[in-house]
Amino acid sequence: MKFLVISLIASVALAGRVCLDNGWDIVWTFTDDDVLSLKVSIFETEFETYGWLGIGFKYPSEGSGMHDADISNIIFHELDMGSDFHDTWAETNGVPTNDVKLGGFEDIAQAVSDEEDELHTFTWNKPVNSGDIYDKLYEEGGSFKLLWAIGYMDGGIQVIHEAGNYGTVDVVLSDDFETGCIIMSELEVETAVEEGGETF
């Protein structure tokens, strides 16, 4: 089922954005202190059903698949509805390895997992240039492959995603890039709400 993702033209801040067919909303901005800030919104029911989520980046020249992707790996908590964020690197098309275990560094900062209405949001920061060989150089305006996936945990062990629970989107990390999103005027949004539609 394809979910409708709507944004108000009048209130959209400068940010890059990807709206996936599954209803996810992925947004990024660059701060003045050379930091890439990311926010992912999924449905709360997905947070309650699954056990982890991954958002990764590769250079277009690196081809398809997970290998050599810089992945922010997020493990969900069932009890307190929080999450653990891990800076990881994909050595294969399997569960990624923490950068620290490979001799790199944990470069994710200001990570927050929170509920917003019927959505669960994840926000975190990564440095544009960490100097870590297991991180990408996130130059503003650069072209990347954005990887996303969600899956289960089994006895505390991360299980690889099932078919249909992952994908790749070609993006440009700029504050005016947008793909997959339906933009409506404020009047159209008000009309949709009055008719029983949903906005995210």
Protein backbone atom coordinates (compact mmCIF):
# COMPACT_ATOMS: atom_id res chain seq x y z
CA MET A 1 0.00 0.00 0.00
CA LYS A 2 1.33 3.39 -0.94
CA PHE A 3 1.00 6.02 1.75
CA LEU A 4 0.48 9.68 1.02
CA VAL A 5 3.16 12.00 2.32
CA ILE A 6 2.25 15.66 2.25
CA SER A 7 4.27 18.76 3.03
CA LEU A 8 3.10 22.35 3.39
CA ILE A 9 4.90 24.63 0.97
CA ALA A 10 4.61 27.58 3.32
CA SER A 11 6.25 25.82 6.25
CA VAL A 12 8.96 23.66 4.68
CA ALA A 13 12.42 24.56 5.93
CA LEU A 14 15.43 24.24 3.65
CA ALA A 15 16.26 20.55 3.76
CA GLY A 16 16.83 17.61 1.47
CA ARG A 17 14.06 15.03 1.58
CA VAL A 18 13.15 11.55 0.39
CA CYS A 19 9.62 10.16 0.76
CA LEU A 20 9.53 6.38 0.33
CA ASP A 21 6.59 4.35 -0.96
CA ASN A 22 6.32 2.66 2.45
CA GLY A 23 5.54 6.00 4.12
CA TRP A 24 9.01 6.76 5.52
CA ASP A 25 10.17 10.36 5.51
CA ILE A 26 13.95 10.90 5.37
CA VAL A 27 15.23 14.46 5.81
CA TRP A 28 18.72 15.96 6.03
CA THR A 29 20.23 19.37 6.64
CA PHE A 30 23.75 20.78 6.88
CA THR A 31 24.58 22.87 9.93
CA ASP A 32 27.05 25.76 10.12
CA ASP A 33 29.58 23.61 11.97
CA ASP A 34 30.11 21.06 9.18
CA VAL A 35 27.60 18.52 10.47
CA LEU A 36 25.10 16.46 8.51
CA SER A 37 21.87 16.19 10.50
CA LEU A 38 19.47 13.35 9.65
CA LYS A 39 15.87 12.62 10.59
CA VAL A 40 13.87 9.50 9.70
CA SER A 41 10.16 9.09 10.46
CA ILE A 42 8.45 5.69 10.34
CA PHE A 43 5.08 4.48 11.59
CA GLU A 44 4.93 3.65 15.30
CA THR A 45 3.49 0.24 14.41
CA GLU A 46 6.72 -0.55 12.53
CA PHE A 47 8.78 0.42 15.56
CA GLU A 48 6.68 -1.95 17.67
CA THR A 49 6.90 -4.77 15.09
CA TYR A 50 10.55 -4.70 14.02
CA GLY A 51 13.83 -4.53 15.91
CA TRP A 52 16.22 -2.41 13.88
CA LEU A 53 16.53 0.16 11.10
CA GLY A 54 19.47 1.11 8.93
CA ILE A 55 20.23 4.20 6.84
CA GLY A 56 23.39 4.09 4.77
CA PHE A 57 25.27 6.00 2.10
CA LYS A 58 27.54 4.96 -0.78
CA TYR A 59 29.19 6.86 -3.60
CA PRO A 60 27.55 6.14 -6.99
CA SER A 61 30.85 4.74 -8.29
CA GLU A 62 30.74 2.01 -5.63
CA GLY A 63 27.91 0.17 -7.35
CA SER A 64 24.93 -1.64 -5.90
CA GLY A 65 24.61 -3.70 -2.73
CA MET A 66 25.60 -2.91 0.85
CA HIS A 67 29.34 -3.49 0.53
CA ASP A 68 31.37 -0.39 1.51
CA ALA A 69 28.31 1.50 2.75
CA ASP A 70 28.56 3.83 5.76
CA ILE A 71 25.50 2.77 7.76
CA SER A 72 23.79 4.30 10.77
CA ASN A 73 22.46 1.14 12.43
CA ILE A 74 19.61 1.76 14.90
CA ILE A 75 18.52 -0.94 17.36
CA PHE A 76 15.07 -0.50 18.94
CA HIS A 77 14.25 -0.87 22.65
CA GLU A 78 10.92 -2.54 23.39
CA LEU A 79 10.68 -1.50 27.04
CA ASP A 80 11.44 2.23 27.00
CA MET A 81 10.70 2.89 23.30
CA GLY A 82 14.21 4.28 22.85
CA SER A 83 16.97 3.16 20.49
CA ASP A 84 20.72 2.55 20.32
CA PHE A 85 22.52 4.23 17.41
CA HIS A 86 25.68 2.65 15.97
CA ASP A 87 28.13 3.98 13.39
CA THR A 88 28.79 0.93 11.21
CA TRP A 89 30.42 -0.18 7.96
CA ALA A 90 29.19 -2.88 5.59
CA GLU A 91 31.98 -5.31 4.76
CA THR A 92 29.50 -7.60 2.97
CA ASN A 93 25.81 -7.73 2.05
CA GLY A 94 25.06 -8.73 5.63
CA VAL A 95 24.86 -7.23 9.10
CA PRO A 96 27.27 -4.26 9.20
CA THR A 97 30.19 -4.04 11.62
CA ASN A 98 30.65 -1.26 14.18
CA ASP A 99 33.36 1.17 13.05
CA VAL A 100 35.07 0.84 16.44
CA LYS A 101 35.54 -2.92 15.94
CA LEU A 102 37.25 -2.19 12.62
CA GLY A 103 39.62 0.35 14.19
CA GLY A 104 37.49 3.38 13.36
CA PHE A 105 35.44 5.67 15.55
CA GLU A 106 31.86 6.12 16.75
CA ASP A 107 30.97 9.34 14.96
CA ILE A 108 27.20 9.50 15.53
CA ALA A 109 26.23 12.33 17.90
CA GLN A 110 23.09 13.89 19.40
CA ALA A 111 21.02 10.79 18.65
CA VAL A 112 17.36 10.85 19.70
CA SER A 113 14.57 8.29 19.30
CA ASP A 114 11.09 9.65 19.96
CA GLU A 115 7.35 9.23 19.37
CA GLU A 116 5.37 11.89 17.51
CA ASP A 117 1.66 11.13 17.21
CA GLU A 118 1.47 7.86 15.22
CA LEU A 119 5.05 8.17 14.02
CA HIS A 120 8.41 7.25 15.51
CA THR A 121 11.26 9.57 14.64
CA PHE A 122 15.02 9.11 14.76
CA THR A 123 17.36 12.10 14.61
CA TRP A 124 21.16 12.09 14.68
CA ASN A 125 24.24 13.94 13.46
CA LYS A 126 27.30 12.83 11.52
CA PRO A 127 30.35 14.98 10.75
CA VAL A 128 30.76 16.05 7.14
CA ASN A 129 34.40 14.94 7.29
CA SER A 130 35.19 12.74 10.29
CA GLY A 131 38.60 11.64 9.03
CA ASP A 132 37.52 8.04 9.69
CA ILE A 133 38.13 5.68 6.74
CA TYR A 134 34.85 3.96 7.66
CA ASP A 135 32.81 7.12 7.09
CA LYS A 136 31.96 8.87 3.84
CA LEU A 137 32.86 12.46 3.00
CA TYR A 138 29.45 14.13 3.06
CA GLU A 139 30.06 17.15 0.85
CA GLU A 140 27.03 19.37 0.37
CA GLY A 141 25.77 18.90 -3.18
CA GLY A 142 27.43 15.49 -3.48
CA SER A 143 25.71 12.55 -5.19
CA PHE A 144 25.10 9.41 -3.14
CA LYS A 145 23.16 6.18 -3.05
CA LEU A 146 20.95 6.23 0.05
CA LEU A 147 20.32 2.74 1.42
CA TRP A 148 17.47 1.93 3.80
CA ALA A 149 16.34 -1.26 5.52
CA ILE A 150 14.32 -2.53 8.47
CA GLY A 151 14.28 -5.96 10.09
CA TYR A 152 13.81 -8.16 13.14
CA MET A 153 15.92 -9.08 16.15
CA ASP A 154 16.13 -12.69 17.35
CA GLY A 155 17.37 -13.18 20.90
CA GLY A 156 19.30 -9.92 20.76
CA ILE A 157 20.85 -10.81 17.39
CA GLN A 158 20.20 -8.65 14.36
CA VAL A 159 18.53 -10.65 11.58
CA ILE A 160 19.03 -9.64 7.95
CA HIS A 161 16.08 -7.86 6.35
CA GLU A 162 13.43 -9.72 4.41
CA ALA A 163 12.55 -9.12 0.75
CA GLY A 164 10.72 -5.83 0.32
CA ASN A 165 12.12 -4.34 3.53
CA TYR A 166 15.08 -2.59 1.94
CA GLY A 167 15.94 -0.36 -0.98
CA THR A 168 18.22 2.24 -2.54
CA VAL A 169 17.52 5.79 -3.72
CA ASP A 170 19.85 8.03 -5.72
CA VAL A 171 20.10 11.38 -3.94
CA VAL A 172 21.98 14.66 -3.96
CA LEU A 173 22.84 15.93 -0.47
CA SER A 174 21.58 19.45 -0.96
CA ASP A 175 18.97 21.49 0.89
CA ASP A 176 16.68 21.63 -2.15
CA PHE A 177 16.71 17.97 -3.23
CA GLU A 178 13.41 16.15 -2.98
CA THR A 179 12.05 12.93 -4.45
CA GLY A 180 8.89 10.88 -3.98
CA CYS A 181 7.07 13.59 -2.01
CA ILE A 182 3.68 15.02 -2.94
CA ILE A 183 3.62 18.77 -2.46
CA MET A 184 0.26 20.42 -1.86
CA SER A 185 -0.75 23.98 -1.23
CA GLU A 186 -1.98 24.95 2.24
CA LEU A 187 -5.56 25.15 0.92
CA GLU A 188 -5.31 21.66 -0.62
CA VAL A 189 -4.00 20.27 2.67
CA GLU A 190 -6.87 21.85 4.61
CA THR A 191 -9.33 20.35 2.12
CA ALA A 192 -7.73 16.90 2.42
CA VAL A 193 -7.95 17.03 6.21
CA GLU A 194 -11.60 18.08 6.07
CA GLU A 195 -12.30 15.11 3.79
CA GLY A 196 -10.62 12.70 6.19
CA GLY A 197 -7.21 12.49 4.54
CA GLU A 198 -3.92 12.23 6.46
CA THR A 199 -0.90 14.50 6.42
CA PHE A 200 2.54 13.67 7.74
